Structures are given as structure tokens and as C-alpha cells.
N, C-alpha and C. Protein backbone atom coordinates (compact mmCIF):
# COMPACT_ATOMS: atom_id res chain seq x y z
N MET A 1 10.15 -17.71 33.58
CA MET A 1 9.53 -16.85 34.56
C MET A 1 8.58 -15.85 33.89
N ALA A 2 9.02 -15.29 32.77
CA ALA A 2 8.16 -14.36 32.04
C ALA A 2 6.91 -15.06 31.52
N ASP A 3 7.04 -16.35 31.16
CA ASP A 3 5.90 -17.11 30.68
C ASP A 3 4.85 -17.27 31.78
N ASP A 4 5.29 -17.48 33.05
CA ASP A 4 4.36 -17.60 34.16
C ASP A 4 3.57 -16.31 34.34
N ASN A 5 4.26 -15.16 34.27
CA ASN A 5 3.58 -13.88 34.40
C ASN A 5 2.58 -13.67 33.27
N MET A 6 2.96 -14.08 32.06
CA MET A 6 2.06 -13.93 30.92
C MET A 6 0.81 -14.76 31.12
N LYS A 7 0.95 -15.98 31.62
CA LYS A 7 -0.21 -16.84 31.86
C LYS A 7 -1.13 -16.21 32.89
N GLU A 8 -0.54 -15.61 33.93
CA GLU A 8 -1.35 -14.97 34.96
C GLU A 8 -2.11 -13.78 34.36
N ASP A 9 -1.43 -12.98 33.51
CA ASP A 9 -2.06 -11.80 32.91
C ASP A 9 -3.19 -12.20 31.97
N ILE A 10 -3.00 -13.26 31.21
CA ILE A 10 -4.00 -13.67 30.23
C ILE A 10 -5.19 -14.32 30.90
N GLY A 11 -4.93 -15.18 31.86
CA GLY A 11 -5.99 -15.84 32.61
C GLY A 11 -6.86 -16.71 31.75
N GLU A 12 -8.17 -16.70 32.02
CA GLU A 12 -9.13 -17.58 31.35
C GLU A 12 -9.37 -17.18 29.89
N GLU A 13 -9.06 -15.94 29.50
CA GLU A 13 -9.31 -15.49 28.14
C GLU A 13 -8.52 -16.28 27.12
N ALA A 14 -7.42 -16.88 27.52
CA ALA A 14 -6.56 -17.58 26.58
C ALA A 14 -7.08 -18.97 26.23
N GLU A 15 -8.08 -19.46 26.96
CA GLU A 15 -8.59 -20.80 26.68
C GLU A 15 -9.40 -20.78 25.39
N PHE A 16 -9.26 -21.84 24.60
CA PHE A 16 -9.92 -21.95 23.30
C PHE A 16 -10.97 -23.04 23.38
N ASP A 17 -12.22 -22.69 23.12
CA ASP A 17 -13.31 -23.66 23.15
C ASP A 17 -13.55 -24.14 21.73
N GLU A 18 -13.01 -25.30 21.39
CA GLU A 18 -13.09 -25.83 20.04
C GLU A 18 -14.54 -26.10 19.63
N GLY A 19 -15.36 -26.57 20.55
CA GLY A 19 -16.76 -26.86 20.24
C GLY A 19 -17.51 -25.61 19.82
N GLU A 20 -17.29 -24.51 20.53
CA GLU A 20 -17.94 -23.25 20.19
C GLU A 20 -17.51 -22.78 18.80
N PHE A 21 -16.23 -22.91 18.50
CA PHE A 21 -15.72 -22.53 17.18
C PHE A 21 -16.38 -23.35 16.09
N GLU A 22 -16.47 -24.67 16.28
CA GLU A 22 -17.06 -25.56 15.27
C GLU A 22 -18.53 -25.24 15.04
N GLU A 23 -19.28 -24.93 16.12
CA GLU A 23 -20.70 -24.59 15.98
C GLU A 23 -20.86 -23.32 15.14
N GLU A 24 -20.06 -22.31 15.45
CA GLU A 24 -20.15 -21.05 14.72
C GLU A 24 -19.78 -21.27 13.25
N TYR A 25 -18.76 -22.04 13.00
CA TYR A 25 -18.33 -22.31 11.63
C TYR A 25 -19.41 -23.06 10.86
N GLU A 26 -20.00 -24.07 11.49
CA GLU A 26 -21.05 -24.85 10.82
C GLU A 26 -22.25 -23.97 10.52
N GLU A 27 -22.59 -23.05 11.43
CA GLU A 27 -23.72 -22.15 11.21
C GLU A 27 -23.46 -21.25 10.01
N ARG A 28 -22.26 -20.73 9.88
CA ARG A 28 -21.92 -19.88 8.74
C ARG A 28 -21.93 -20.68 7.45
N ASP A 29 -21.55 -21.93 7.52
CA ASP A 29 -21.44 -22.77 6.34
C ASP A 29 -22.77 -23.38 5.92
N ALA A 30 -23.84 -23.14 6.67
CA ALA A 30 -25.12 -23.80 6.40
C ALA A 30 -25.76 -23.32 5.10
N SER A 31 -25.54 -22.09 4.69
CA SER A 31 -26.17 -21.58 3.48
C SER A 31 -25.35 -21.99 2.26
N PRO A 32 -25.98 -21.97 1.06
CA PRO A 32 -25.25 -22.35 -0.15
C PRO A 32 -24.02 -21.48 -0.41
N SER A 33 -24.07 -20.22 -0.01
CA SER A 33 -22.93 -19.34 -0.25
C SER A 33 -21.88 -19.48 0.84
N GLY A 34 -22.19 -20.22 1.92
CA GLY A 34 -21.25 -20.35 3.02
C GLY A 34 -21.28 -19.14 3.94
N ARG A 35 -22.23 -18.23 3.72
CA ARG A 35 -22.31 -17.01 4.52
C ARG A 35 -23.76 -16.82 4.93
N ALA A 36 -24.16 -17.47 6.01
CA ALA A 36 -25.55 -17.45 6.47
C ALA A 36 -26.04 -16.01 6.62
N GLY A 37 -27.23 -15.73 6.09
CA GLY A 37 -27.86 -14.43 6.26
C GLY A 37 -27.28 -13.32 5.40
N ARG A 38 -26.40 -13.62 4.48
CA ARG A 38 -25.83 -12.59 3.63
C ARG A 38 -26.22 -12.82 2.18
N GLU A 39 -26.04 -11.76 1.40
CA GLU A 39 -26.31 -11.86 -0.03
C GLU A 39 -25.32 -12.83 -0.66
N PRO A 40 -25.74 -13.56 -1.69
CA PRO A 40 -24.78 -14.43 -2.39
C PRO A 40 -23.70 -13.59 -3.05
N ARG A 41 -22.54 -14.19 -3.24
CA ARG A 41 -21.43 -13.49 -3.86
C ARG A 41 -21.75 -13.18 -5.32
N PRO A 42 -21.21 -12.06 -5.83
CA PRO A 42 -21.45 -11.75 -7.24
C PRO A 42 -20.75 -12.76 -8.14
N THR A 43 -21.22 -12.83 -9.37
CA THR A 43 -20.61 -13.77 -10.31
C THR A 43 -19.17 -13.36 -10.57
N GLN A 44 -18.39 -14.28 -11.07
CA GLN A 44 -16.98 -13.99 -11.32
C GLN A 44 -16.82 -12.84 -12.31
N GLU A 45 -17.70 -12.72 -13.29
CA GLU A 45 -17.59 -11.65 -14.27
C GLU A 45 -17.81 -10.28 -13.63
N ALA A 46 -18.74 -10.19 -12.70
CA ALA A 46 -19.08 -8.91 -12.09
C ALA A 46 -18.08 -8.51 -11.01
N ALA A 47 -17.43 -9.44 -10.39
CA ALA A 47 -16.56 -9.15 -9.24
C ALA A 47 -15.46 -8.14 -9.56
N PRO A 48 -14.66 -8.29 -10.63
CA PRO A 48 -13.61 -7.30 -10.88
C PRO A 48 -14.16 -5.89 -11.09
N ARG A 49 -15.26 -5.76 -11.79
CA ARG A 49 -15.86 -4.45 -12.04
C ARG A 49 -16.36 -3.85 -10.73
N ASP A 50 -16.99 -4.67 -9.88
CA ASP A 50 -17.48 -4.19 -8.59
C ASP A 50 -16.32 -3.73 -7.72
N MET A 51 -15.22 -4.47 -7.74
CA MET A 51 -14.06 -4.08 -6.94
C MET A 51 -13.48 -2.76 -7.45
N LEU A 52 -13.42 -2.59 -8.76
CA LEU A 52 -12.92 -1.34 -9.33
C LEU A 52 -13.82 -0.18 -8.94
N ASP A 53 -15.13 -0.38 -9.03
CA ASP A 53 -16.07 0.67 -8.63
C ASP A 53 -15.90 1.03 -7.16
N ALA A 54 -15.72 0.03 -6.31
CA ALA A 54 -15.57 0.27 -4.87
C ALA A 54 -14.27 1.01 -4.57
N ALA A 55 -13.24 0.77 -5.35
CA ALA A 55 -11.94 1.38 -5.09
C ALA A 55 -11.73 2.69 -5.85
N ALA A 56 -12.66 3.07 -6.69
CA ALA A 56 -12.48 4.23 -7.56
C ALA A 56 -12.19 5.52 -6.81
N ASP A 57 -12.74 5.69 -5.63
CA ASP A 57 -12.55 6.94 -4.89
C ASP A 57 -11.51 6.83 -3.78
N VAL A 58 -10.79 5.73 -3.73
CA VAL A 58 -9.73 5.57 -2.73
C VAL A 58 -8.55 6.44 -3.15
N PRO A 59 -8.07 7.32 -2.26
CA PRO A 59 -6.95 8.18 -2.64
C PRO A 59 -5.64 7.39 -2.76
N VAL A 60 -4.84 7.76 -3.75
CA VAL A 60 -3.52 7.17 -3.92
C VAL A 60 -2.51 8.30 -3.99
N GLN A 61 -1.30 8.03 -3.58
CA GLN A 61 -0.25 9.04 -3.60
C GLN A 61 0.68 8.77 -4.78
N ILE A 62 0.89 9.78 -5.60
CA ILE A 62 1.83 9.69 -6.72
C ILE A 62 3.14 10.31 -6.26
N VAL A 63 4.22 9.58 -6.45
CA VAL A 63 5.55 10.08 -6.10
C VAL A 63 6.33 10.29 -7.38
N ALA A 64 6.88 11.49 -7.57
CA ALA A 64 7.74 11.78 -8.71
C ALA A 64 9.18 11.61 -8.25
N VAL A 65 9.87 10.64 -8.83
CA VAL A 65 11.25 10.35 -8.44
C VAL A 65 12.17 11.00 -9.47
N MET A 66 12.88 12.01 -9.02
CA MET A 66 13.77 12.74 -9.91
C MET A 66 15.13 12.06 -10.03
N GLY A 67 15.49 11.31 -9.05
CA GLY A 67 16.78 10.63 -9.06
C GLY A 67 17.07 10.03 -7.70
N LYS A 68 18.11 9.22 -7.65
CA LYS A 68 18.50 8.59 -6.39
C LYS A 68 20.00 8.71 -6.23
N LYS A 69 20.44 8.68 -5.00
CA LYS A 69 21.86 8.77 -4.70
C LYS A 69 22.11 7.99 -3.42
N SER A 70 23.09 7.14 -3.44
CA SER A 70 23.48 6.41 -2.23
C SER A 70 24.66 7.14 -1.59
N ILE A 71 24.53 7.39 -0.30
CA ILE A 71 25.63 8.00 0.45
C ILE A 71 25.79 7.23 1.75
N THR A 72 26.90 7.45 2.41
CA THR A 72 27.14 6.78 3.69
C THR A 72 26.42 7.54 4.80
N MET A 73 26.27 6.90 5.92
CA MET A 73 25.65 7.56 7.07
C MET A 73 26.50 8.76 7.49
N ARG A 74 27.82 8.64 7.40
CA ARG A 74 28.72 9.75 7.74
C ARG A 74 28.42 10.96 6.85
N GLU A 75 28.29 10.72 5.53
CA GLU A 75 27.99 11.81 4.60
C GLU A 75 26.63 12.43 4.91
N LEU A 76 25.68 11.60 5.29
CA LEU A 76 24.34 12.08 5.61
C LEU A 76 24.36 13.04 6.80
N VAL A 77 25.03 12.64 7.87
CA VAL A 77 25.02 13.49 9.07
C VAL A 77 25.87 14.75 8.89
N LEU A 78 26.76 14.75 7.91
CA LEU A 78 27.59 15.93 7.66
C LEU A 78 26.93 16.94 6.71
N LEU A 79 25.77 16.59 6.14
CA LEU A 79 25.08 17.52 5.24
C LEU A 79 24.65 18.77 6.00
N LYS A 80 24.79 19.92 5.33
CA LYS A 80 24.38 21.18 5.94
C LYS A 80 23.66 22.04 4.91
N LEU A 81 23.03 23.09 5.36
CA LEU A 81 22.30 23.99 4.46
C LEU A 81 23.22 24.45 3.34
N GLY A 82 22.71 24.43 2.13
CA GLY A 82 23.47 24.89 0.98
C GLY A 82 24.22 23.79 0.25
N ASP A 83 24.38 22.62 0.88
CA ASP A 83 25.04 21.49 0.20
C ASP A 83 24.18 21.04 -0.97
N VAL A 84 24.82 20.56 -2.02
CA VAL A 84 24.11 20.07 -3.20
C VAL A 84 24.36 18.57 -3.30
N ILE A 85 23.30 17.82 -3.48
CA ILE A 85 23.40 16.37 -3.67
C ILE A 85 23.25 16.12 -5.16
N GLU A 86 24.31 15.63 -5.78
CA GLU A 86 24.28 15.36 -7.22
C GLU A 86 23.59 14.03 -7.46
N LEU A 87 22.59 14.05 -8.33
CA LEU A 87 21.86 12.83 -8.67
C LEU A 87 22.44 12.24 -9.95
N ALA A 88 22.26 10.94 -10.12
CA ALA A 88 22.84 10.25 -11.27
C ALA A 88 22.10 10.56 -12.57
N ARG A 89 20.90 11.06 -12.50
CA ARG A 89 20.07 11.30 -13.68
C ARG A 89 20.39 12.67 -14.29
N PRO A 90 20.52 12.76 -15.60
CA PRO A 90 20.75 14.06 -16.24
C PRO A 90 19.59 15.03 -15.97
N ALA A 91 19.88 16.33 -15.95
CA ALA A 91 18.90 17.35 -15.59
C ALA A 91 17.70 17.39 -16.54
N ASN A 92 17.89 17.04 -17.81
CA ASN A 92 16.78 17.15 -18.77
C ASN A 92 16.07 15.82 -19.00
N GLU A 93 16.38 14.79 -18.23
CA GLU A 93 15.75 13.48 -18.41
C GLU A 93 14.40 13.41 -17.69
N VAL A 94 13.53 12.52 -18.18
CA VAL A 94 12.20 12.38 -17.58
C VAL A 94 12.30 11.81 -16.16
N VAL A 95 11.25 12.06 -15.37
CA VAL A 95 11.18 11.54 -14.00
C VAL A 95 10.26 10.33 -13.97
N ASP A 96 10.45 9.48 -12.96
CA ASP A 96 9.59 8.32 -12.77
C ASP A 96 8.41 8.70 -11.91
N LEU A 97 7.22 8.26 -12.28
CA LEU A 97 6.02 8.44 -11.46
C LEU A 97 5.67 7.09 -10.87
N VAL A 98 5.58 7.05 -9.55
CA VAL A 98 5.42 5.80 -8.82
C VAL A 98 4.17 5.87 -7.95
N VAL A 99 3.40 4.77 -7.94
CA VAL A 99 2.24 4.63 -7.06
C VAL A 99 2.36 3.29 -6.35
N GLY A 100 2.30 3.31 -5.04
CA GLY A 100 2.38 2.07 -4.27
C GLY A 100 3.68 1.32 -4.49
N GLY A 101 4.76 2.05 -4.73
CA GLY A 101 6.06 1.42 -4.94
C GLY A 101 6.26 0.87 -6.34
N LYS A 102 5.28 1.06 -7.23
CA LYS A 102 5.36 0.53 -8.59
C LYS A 102 5.43 1.68 -9.60
N LEU A 103 6.36 1.58 -10.54
CA LEU A 103 6.47 2.55 -11.61
C LEU A 103 5.24 2.45 -12.50
N PHE A 104 4.54 3.57 -12.71
CA PHE A 104 3.37 3.53 -13.57
C PHE A 104 3.47 4.49 -14.76
N ALA A 105 4.38 5.47 -14.69
CA ALA A 105 4.51 6.40 -15.81
C ALA A 105 5.85 7.12 -15.73
N LYS A 106 6.16 7.81 -16.83
CA LYS A 106 7.33 8.69 -16.89
C LYS A 106 6.83 10.05 -17.33
N GLY A 107 7.49 11.09 -16.87
CA GLY A 107 7.04 12.43 -17.22
C GLY A 107 8.16 13.43 -17.20
N GLU A 108 7.86 14.60 -17.75
CA GLU A 108 8.85 15.68 -17.76
C GLU A 108 8.37 16.78 -16.82
N LEU A 109 9.33 17.40 -16.14
CA LEU A 109 9.01 18.47 -15.21
C LEU A 109 8.57 19.70 -15.98
N VAL A 110 7.51 20.34 -15.49
CA VAL A 110 6.98 21.56 -16.11
C VAL A 110 6.60 22.56 -15.03
N ASP A 111 6.49 23.81 -15.44
CA ASP A 111 6.03 24.87 -14.54
C ASP A 111 4.53 25.02 -14.73
N VAL A 112 3.79 24.96 -13.62
CA VAL A 112 2.34 25.13 -13.66
C VAL A 112 2.00 26.30 -12.74
N ASP A 113 1.91 27.49 -13.35
CA ASP A 113 1.61 28.71 -12.59
C ASP A 113 2.52 28.86 -11.37
N GLY A 114 3.82 28.67 -11.59
CA GLY A 114 4.79 28.85 -10.52
C GLY A 114 4.99 27.63 -9.63
N LYS A 115 4.25 26.57 -9.89
CA LYS A 115 4.42 25.33 -9.12
C LYS A 115 5.01 24.26 -10.03
N LEU A 116 5.70 23.33 -9.42
CA LEU A 116 6.30 22.23 -10.17
C LEU A 116 5.24 21.22 -10.54
N GLY A 117 5.23 20.79 -11.79
CA GLY A 117 4.29 19.77 -12.25
C GLY A 117 5.02 18.74 -13.09
N VAL A 118 4.31 17.68 -13.46
CA VAL A 118 4.89 16.63 -14.30
C VAL A 118 3.92 16.36 -15.45
N ARG A 119 4.42 16.49 -16.67
CA ARG A 119 3.63 16.16 -17.86
C ARG A 119 3.94 14.70 -18.20
N ILE A 120 2.90 13.87 -18.23
CA ILE A 120 3.10 12.44 -18.51
C ILE A 120 3.47 12.27 -19.98
N VAL A 121 4.59 11.57 -20.21
CA VAL A 121 5.04 11.33 -21.58
C VAL A 121 4.97 9.85 -21.95
N ARG A 122 4.83 9.00 -20.94
CA ARG A 122 4.74 7.56 -21.21
C ARG A 122 4.06 6.87 -20.03
N ILE A 123 3.08 6.02 -20.33
CA ILE A 123 2.41 5.24 -19.29
C ILE A 123 2.93 3.81 -19.36
N ILE A 124 3.31 3.28 -18.23
CA ILE A 124 3.85 1.92 -18.12
C ILE A 124 2.71 0.99 -17.73
N ARG A 125 2.49 -0.05 -18.48
CA ARG A 125 1.42 -1.02 -18.16
C ARG A 125 2.00 -2.27 -17.60
């Protein structure tokens, strides 16, 4: 029954004209690069450098992971102001610096004019 209603809502827009698709595809494929009316693709050697240049100003978020702790949902909902969560990592150990979910460096916590900072001590490649 829900499928009947969906068909009514979609109407003629859901029909696929295979001939129209093939014509458009053939038109795009007519040029040597496969992209009619566009510049040819850069050579393989230039492509990685061009991609790096294009991405150079994209902002990324660095996350400093000081430690992790697994607790139950019950323990989570019982937390209140003033409670201390003990982390498995020793207080003087370096922190992990993560970008996009990937570890990229390790660092030590430092004071930077009253704000918390991280001095990089090792870069992970």
C-alpha cells in the first residue's frame, strides 16, 4: 500500500529515458579527454601537486586526546559537577594529536600565556 502512494507521489519524474542518457553520455565522450568542452586533464605528475595546492587552505580540526575511559551508561548518567574521571594515561605522558580520525603527532601539554597548548614532540608519518 505504501508503494502505491509512493508511485503516485513520484509520478512521471520516476521514469528513466535510456535514450536520452545514452545521447548525453556519447556527447560527453566525443572529445579525446571524454569531457566535451573542458580543458584536458593534467598529466599524472602534475595532478598530486595540483590537488595539494587546491587543498592547502582547507581548514582541518586538530584534536588533542589526553586519554580515554570506558564507562557504563549508568555511570554516565550519574556523573555530577565535581566528579573526577580518571584516565588510563599517566599525568606526565604525551597526548595524541589526531586529524580526521588519524593519529598524526604526539605532544606535551604546555602553558601558552594562560591557555593550554601542545608542543609537538613526534610526528607520525
